């Protein structure tokens, strides 16, 4: 192990000790490092997913029948939280309208059946 990395590690631990007001135990230090690696992993996954969506959006722009999908993907890439809320509201509204139309159609079929028979 080279002396520079051990010095960096000691400096990092000293800064953490100053931040927390005490030295961290081994378990606390490992938990903190695990949290940092998990956060970095999540950021990397989000970056990778965003790159794939950008490529998919580019492909959809090149194919005219998929321009609607390209617009939706662009909206999601620009405003991810708003797009999620919009999709949730639109999806729940669609399900509600679908159930309502099935019920109305069923009542109409029953009414027609009562009239004819």
N, C-alpha and C. Protein backbone atom coordinates (compact mmCIF):
# COMPACT_ATOMS: atom_id res chain seq x y z
N UNK A 1 0.85 -1.16 0.00
CA UNK A 1 0.00 0.00 0.00
C UNK A 1 0.89 1.22 0.00
N UNK A 2 0.62 2.14 -0.88
CA UNK A 2 1.51 3.29 -0.96
C UNK A 2 1.17 4.32 0.12
N UNK A 3 2.12 5.09 0.59
CA UNK A 3 1.90 5.98 1.74
C UNK A 3 0.91 7.11 1.44
N UNK A 4 0.77 7.48 0.16
CA UNK A 4 -0.17 8.56 -0.16
C UNK A 4 -1.61 8.14 0.06
N UNK A 5 -1.95 6.89 -0.29
CA UNK A 5 -3.33 6.44 -0.10
C UNK A 5 -3.65 6.29 1.38
N UNK A 6 -2.70 5.84 2.19
CA UNK A 6 -2.97 5.75 3.62
C UNK A 6 -3.11 7.13 4.24
N UNK A 7 -2.33 8.09 3.75
CA UNK A 7 -2.45 9.47 4.23
C UNK A 7 -3.80 10.05 3.84
N UNK A 8 -4.23 9.79 2.61
CA UNK A 8 -5.54 10.25 2.16
C UNK A 8 -6.65 9.63 3.00
N UNK A 9 -6.52 8.36 3.29
CA UNK A 9 -7.52 7.67 4.10
C UNK A 9 -7.58 8.27 5.50
N UNK A 10 -6.42 8.53 6.09
CA UNK A 10 -6.39 9.14 7.42
C UNK A 10 -7.00 10.53 7.41
N UNK A 11 -6.70 11.31 6.38
CA UNK A 11 -7.28 12.65 6.27
C UNK A 11 -8.79 12.59 6.11
N UNK A 12 -9.26 11.63 5.30
CA UNK A 12 -10.70 11.46 5.12
C UNK A 12 -11.37 11.08 6.44
N UNK A 13 -10.75 10.15 7.17
CA UNK A 13 -11.31 9.75 8.47
C UNK A 13 -11.29 10.91 9.46
N UNK A 14 -10.24 11.74 9.41
CA UNK A 14 -10.15 12.88 10.30
C UNK A 14 -11.26 13.89 9.99
N UNK A 15 -11.53 14.12 8.70
CA UNK A 15 -12.60 15.04 8.31
C UNK A 15 -13.96 14.50 8.74
N UNK A 16 -14.14 13.18 8.62
CA UNK A 16 -15.40 12.59 9.08
C UNK A 16 -15.53 12.73 10.59
N UNK A 17 -14.43 12.54 11.30
CA UNK A 17 -14.46 12.69 12.76
C UNK A 17 -14.81 14.12 13.14
N UNK A 18 -14.27 15.08 12.42
CA UNK A 18 -14.61 16.47 12.69
C UNK A 18 -16.08 16.74 12.38
N UNK A 19 -16.56 16.15 11.31
CA UNK A 19 -17.95 16.36 10.90
C UNK A 19 -18.92 15.77 11.93
N UNK A 20 -18.63 14.57 12.40
CA UNK A 20 -19.53 13.90 13.35
C UNK A 20 -19.20 14.23 14.80
N UNK A 21 -18.10 14.90 15.04
CA UNK A 21 -17.73 15.26 16.40
C UNK A 21 -17.06 14.14 17.17
N UNK A 22 -16.78 13.05 16.51
CA UNK A 22 -16.11 11.91 17.16
C UNK A 22 -15.59 10.98 16.07
N UNK A 23 -14.73 10.05 16.46
CA UNK A 23 -14.25 9.03 15.53
C UNK A 23 -15.35 8.01 15.32
N UNK A 24 -15.50 7.55 14.10
CA UNK A 24 -16.50 6.53 13.80
C UNK A 24 -15.96 5.15 14.10
N UNK A 25 -16.85 4.29 14.57
CA UNK A 25 -16.44 2.90 14.78
C UNK A 25 -16.30 2.23 13.41
N UNK A 26 -15.71 1.05 13.40
CA UNK A 26 -15.53 0.34 12.12
C UNK A 26 -16.86 0.05 11.44
N UNK A 27 -17.87 -0.34 12.24
CA UNK A 27 -19.18 -0.66 11.68
C UNK A 27 -19.83 0.59 11.09
N UNK A 28 -19.71 1.71 11.82
CA UNK A 28 -20.30 2.95 11.32
C UNK A 28 -19.60 3.41 10.04
N UNK A 29 -18.29 3.29 10.03
CA UNK A 29 -17.52 3.69 8.85
C UNK A 29 -17.89 2.81 7.65
N UNK A 30 -18.01 1.50 7.89
CA UNK A 30 -18.41 0.59 6.79
C UNK A 30 -19.82 0.91 6.30
N UNK A 31 -20.73 1.21 7.22
CA UNK A 31 -22.10 1.55 6.83
C UNK A 31 -22.11 2.84 6.01
N UNK A 32 -21.29 3.81 6.42
CA UNK A 32 -21.21 5.07 5.69
C UNK A 32 -20.63 4.86 4.29
N UNK A 33 -19.60 4.03 4.20
CA UNK A 33 -19.02 3.73 2.89
C UNK A 33 -20.01 2.97 2.01
N UNK A 34 -20.78 2.07 2.61
CA UNK A 34 -21.79 1.31 1.87
C UNK A 34 -22.87 2.26 1.33
N UNK A 35 -23.28 3.23 2.15
CA UNK A 35 -24.26 4.21 1.69
C UNK A 35 -23.72 5.01 0.51
N UNK A 36 -22.46 5.40 0.59
CA UNK A 36 -21.85 6.17 -0.50
C UNK A 36 -21.79 5.35 -1.78
N UNK A 37 -21.38 4.08 -1.67
CA UNK A 37 -21.31 3.24 -2.87
C UNK A 37 -22.70 2.98 -3.43
N UNK A 38 -23.69 2.83 -2.56
CA UNK A 38 -25.07 2.62 -3.03
C UNK A 38 -25.56 3.87 -3.75
N UNK A 39 -25.28 5.04 -3.21
CA UNK A 39 -25.69 6.28 -3.86
C UNK A 39 -25.01 6.43 -5.21
N UNK A 40 -23.73 6.10 -5.29
CA UNK A 40 -23.02 6.18 -6.57
C UNK A 40 -23.58 5.19 -7.58
N UNK A 41 -23.96 4.01 -7.11
CA UNK A 41 -24.54 2.99 -7.98
C UNK A 41 -25.89 3.47 -8.55
N UNK A 42 -26.71 4.09 -7.70
CA UNK A 42 -28.00 4.59 -8.15
C UNK A 42 -27.81 5.70 -9.18
N UNK A 43 -26.86 6.59 -8.93
CA UNK A 43 -26.59 7.68 -9.88
C UNK A 43 -26.12 7.11 -11.21
N UNK A 44 -25.27 6.10 -11.17
CA UNK A 44 -24.78 5.48 -12.40
C UNK A 44 -25.91 4.80 -13.17
N UNK A 45 -26.83 4.13 -12.47
CA UNK A 45 -27.96 3.49 -13.12
C UNK A 45 -28.88 4.53 -13.78
N UNK A 46 -29.11 5.64 -13.07
CA UNK A 46 -29.94 6.70 -13.64
C UNK A 46 -29.29 7.29 -14.89
N UNK A 47 -27.98 7.49 -14.86
CA UNK A 47 -27.26 8.04 -16.01
C UNK A 47 -27.36 7.08 -17.20
N UNK A 48 -27.20 5.79 -16.92
CA UNK A 48 -27.26 4.78 -17.99
C UNK A 48 -28.67 4.73 -18.59
N UNK A 49 -29.70 4.76 -17.74
CA UNK A 49 -31.08 4.73 -18.23
C UNK A 49 -31.38 5.98 -19.06
N UNK A 50 -30.87 7.13 -18.61
CA UNK A 50 -31.07 8.37 -19.34
C UNK A 50 -30.41 8.31 -20.72
N UNK A 51 -29.21 7.75 -20.79
CA UNK A 51 -28.53 7.61 -22.09
C UNK A 51 -29.33 6.72 -23.03
N UNK A 52 -29.87 5.61 -22.51
CA UNK A 52 -30.67 4.73 -23.36
C UNK A 52 -31.93 5.43 -23.85
N UNK A 53 -32.56 6.22 -22.99
CA UNK A 53 -33.76 6.95 -23.40
C UNK A 53 -33.43 8.01 -24.46
N UNK A 54 -32.27 8.63 -24.33
CA UNK A 54 -31.86 9.63 -25.33
C UNK A 54 -31.67 8.95 -26.69
N UNK A 55 -31.03 7.79 -26.70
CA UNK A 55 -30.83 7.05 -27.95
C UNK A 55 -32.17 6.63 -28.54
N UNK A 56 -33.07 6.12 -27.69
CA UNK A 56 -34.40 5.70 -28.15
C UNK A 56 -35.17 6.89 -28.71
N UNK A 57 -35.06 8.04 -28.06
CA UNK A 57 -35.72 9.25 -28.56
C UNK A 57 -35.18 9.64 -29.93
N UNK A 58 -33.86 9.54 -30.09
CA UNK A 58 -33.25 9.85 -31.39
C UNK A 58 -33.75 8.93 -32.48
N UNK A 59 -33.87 7.65 -32.17
CA UNK A 59 -34.39 6.68 -33.15
C UNK A 59 -35.84 6.99 -33.49
N UNK A 60 -36.64 7.34 -32.47
CA UNK A 60 -38.05 7.64 -32.71
C UNK A 60 -38.22 8.91 -33.54
N UNK A 61 -37.30 9.86 -33.40
CA UNK A 61 -37.38 11.08 -34.21
C UNK A 61 -37.12 10.77 -35.68
N UNK A 62 -36.27 9.80 -35.94
CA UNK A 62 -35.94 9.45 -37.32
C UNK A 62 -37.04 8.69 -38.03
N UNK A 63 -37.93 8.05 -37.29
CA UNK A 63 -39.01 7.26 -37.87
C UNK A 63 -40.32 8.03 -37.66
N UNK A 64 -40.89 8.60 -38.72
CA UNK A 64 -42.07 9.48 -38.58
C UNK A 64 -43.26 8.88 -37.82
N UNK A 65 -43.62 7.61 -37.99
CA UNK A 65 -44.76 7.11 -37.21
C UNK A 65 -44.52 7.11 -35.70
N UNK A 66 -43.29 7.20 -35.27
CA UNK A 66 -43.00 7.16 -33.84
C UNK A 66 -42.75 8.55 -33.25
N UNK A 67 -43.14 9.61 -33.94
CA UNK A 67 -42.91 10.96 -33.45
C UNK A 67 -43.67 11.23 -32.15
N UNK A 68 -44.84 10.64 -31.99
CA UNK A 68 -45.58 10.81 -30.74
C UNK A 68 -44.81 10.23 -29.56
N UNK A 69 -44.24 9.05 -29.76
CA UNK A 69 -43.43 8.43 -28.72
C UNK A 69 -42.19 9.26 -28.44
N UNK A 70 -41.60 9.83 -29.49
CA UNK A 70 -40.43 10.69 -29.31
C UNK A 70 -40.79 11.92 -28.49
N UNK A 71 -41.96 12.49 -28.72
CA UNK A 71 -42.40 13.65 -27.94
C UNK A 71 -42.60 13.26 -26.48
N UNK A 72 -43.21 12.10 -26.24
CA UNK A 72 -43.43 11.65 -24.87
C UNK A 72 -42.11 11.38 -24.16
N UNK A 73 -41.18 10.74 -24.84
CA UNK A 73 -39.87 10.47 -24.24
C UNK A 73 -39.10 11.76 -23.98
N UNK A 74 -39.20 12.71 -24.89
CA UNK A 74 -38.54 14.00 -24.68
C UNK A 74 -39.13 14.71 -23.47
N UNK A 75 -40.45 14.66 -23.34
CA UNK A 75 -41.11 15.26 -22.17
C UNK A 75 -40.63 14.58 -20.89
N UNK A 76 -40.52 13.26 -20.92
CA UNK A 76 -40.05 12.53 -19.74
C UNK A 76 -38.59 12.87 -19.42
N UNK A 77 -37.76 13.00 -20.46
CA UNK A 77 -36.35 13.33 -20.22
C UNK A 77 -36.18 14.74 -19.67
N UNK A 78 -37.02 15.67 -20.13
CA UNK A 78 -36.91 17.04 -19.66
C UNK A 78 -37.53 17.25 -18.28
N UNK A 79 -38.66 16.61 -18.04
CA UNK A 79 -39.39 16.79 -16.78
C UNK A 79 -39.80 15.44 -16.20
N UNK A 80 -38.86 14.69 -15.60
CA UNK A 80 -39.19 13.33 -15.15
C UNK A 80 -40.26 13.26 -14.06
N UNK A 81 -40.22 14.14 -13.08
CA UNK A 81 -41.21 14.08 -11.99
C UNK A 81 -42.60 14.46 -12.49
N UNK A 82 -42.68 15.51 -13.29
CA UNK A 82 -43.96 15.94 -13.84
C UNK A 82 -44.53 14.86 -14.76
N UNK A 83 -43.67 14.24 -15.55
CA UNK A 83 -44.14 13.19 -16.46
C UNK A 83 -44.67 11.99 -15.67
N UNK A 84 -44.03 11.66 -14.56
CA UNK A 84 -44.53 10.54 -13.74
C UNK A 84 -45.90 10.87 -13.17
N UNK A 85 -46.07 12.10 -12.66
CA UNK A 85 -47.37 12.49 -12.11
C UNK A 85 -48.44 12.50 -13.21
N UNK A 86 -48.07 13.04 -14.37
CA UNK A 86 -49.02 13.08 -15.49
C UNK A 86 -49.42 11.68 -15.91
N UNK A 87 -48.46 10.76 -15.99
CA UNK A 87 -48.76 9.38 -16.38
C UNK A 87 -49.65 8.71 -15.35
N UNK A 88 -49.41 8.97 -14.07
CA UNK A 88 -50.24 8.39 -13.02
C UNK A 88 -51.67 8.90 -13.11
N UNK A 89 -51.83 10.20 -13.30
CA UNK A 89 -53.18 10.78 -13.41
C UNK A 89 -53.87 10.28 -14.67
N UNK A 90 -53.16 10.28 -15.80
CA UNK A 90 -53.76 9.82 -17.05
C UNK A 90 -54.12 8.34 -16.98
N UNK A 91 -53.25 7.53 -16.39
CA UNK A 91 -53.53 6.10 -16.28
C UNK A 91 -54.72 5.81 -15.39
N UNK A 92 -54.80 6.48 -14.25
CA UNK A 92 -55.93 6.24 -13.36
C UNK A 92 -57.23 6.74 -13.99
N UNK A 93 -57.17 7.86 -14.71
CA UNK A 93 -58.36 8.36 -15.41
C UNK A 93 -58.79 7.38 -16.50
N UNK A 94 -57.83 6.84 -17.23
CA UNK A 94 -58.14 5.87 -18.28
C UNK A 94 -58.80 4.61 -17.69
N UNK A 95 -58.29 4.13 -16.59
CA UNK A 95 -58.88 2.95 -15.94
C UNK A 95 -60.30 3.26 -15.48
N UNK A 96 -60.50 4.44 -14.88
CA UNK A 96 -61.83 4.83 -14.42
C UNK A 96 -62.82 4.91 -15.58
N UNK A 97 -62.41 5.55 -16.67
CA UNK A 97 -63.29 5.68 -17.84
C UNK A 97 -63.57 4.31 -18.45
N UNK A 98 -62.59 3.43 -18.48
CA UNK A 98 -62.78 2.09 -19.01
C UNK A 98 -63.80 1.31 -18.19
N UNK A 99 -63.67 1.33 -16.89
CA UNK A 99 -64.63 0.63 -16.02
C UNK A 99 -66.03 1.22 -16.17
N UNK A 100 -66.10 2.55 -16.22
CA UNK A 100 -67.39 3.21 -16.38
C UNK A 100 -68.04 2.85 -17.71
N UNK A 101 -67.27 2.83 -18.79
CA UNK A 101 -67.83 2.48 -20.10
C UNK A 101 -68.27 1.02 -20.15
N UNK A 102 -67.55 0.13 -19.49
CA UNK A 102 -67.96 -1.28 -19.44
C UNK A 102 -69.29 -1.42 -18.70
N UNK A 103 -69.43 -0.69 -17.59
CA UNK A 103 -70.69 -0.74 -16.84
C UNK A 103 -71.85 -0.17 -17.67
N UNK A 104 -71.63 0.95 -18.33
CA UNK A 104 -72.69 1.55 -19.15
C UNK A 104 -73.07 0.62 -20.30
N UNK A 105 -72.07 0.02 -20.95
CA UNK A 105 -72.34 -0.92 -22.04
C UNK A 105 -73.14 -2.12 -21.53
N UNK A 106 -72.77 -2.62 -20.34
CA UNK A 106 -73.51 -3.74 -19.76
C UNK A 106 -74.96 -3.39 -19.48
N UNK A 107 -75.19 -2.19 -18.92
CA UNK A 107 -76.57 -1.77 -18.68
C UNK A 107 -77.35 -1.59 -19.98
N UNK A 108 -76.69 -1.07 -21.02
CA UNK A 108 -77.36 -0.94 -22.32
C UNK A 108 -77.72 -2.29 -22.89
N UNK A 109 -76.84 -3.26 -22.79
CA UNK A 109 -77.12 -4.61 -23.28
C UNK A 109 -78.29 -5.22 -22.51
N UNK A 110 -78.31 -5.02 -21.19
CA UNK A 110 -79.44 -5.53 -20.39
C UNK A 110 -80.74 -4.84 -20.78
N UNK A 111 -80.69 -3.53 -21.02
CA UNK A 111 -81.91 -2.80 -21.40
C UNK A 111 -82.43 -3.28 -22.74
N UNK A 112 -81.52 -3.46 -23.69
CA UNK A 112 -81.92 -3.95 -25.02
C UNK A 112 -82.48 -5.38 -24.90
N UNK A 113 -81.86 -6.20 -24.07
CA UNK A 113 -82.32 -7.59 -23.89
C UNK A 113 -83.71 -7.59 -23.25
N UNK A 114 -83.97 -6.68 -22.30
CA UNK A 114 -85.30 -6.61 -21.68
C UNK A 114 -86.35 -6.14 -22.68
N UNK A 115 -85.98 -5.22 -23.54
CA UNK A 115 -86.94 -4.71 -24.52
C UNK A 115 -87.27 -5.78 -25.55
N UNK A 116 -86.25 -6.52 -26.02
CA UNK A 116 -86.47 -7.52 -27.05
C UNK A 116 -87.11 -8.80 -26.53
N UNK A 117 -86.87 -9.15 -25.32
CA UNK A 117 -87.38 -10.43 -24.82
C UNK A 117 -88.40 -10.23 -23.77
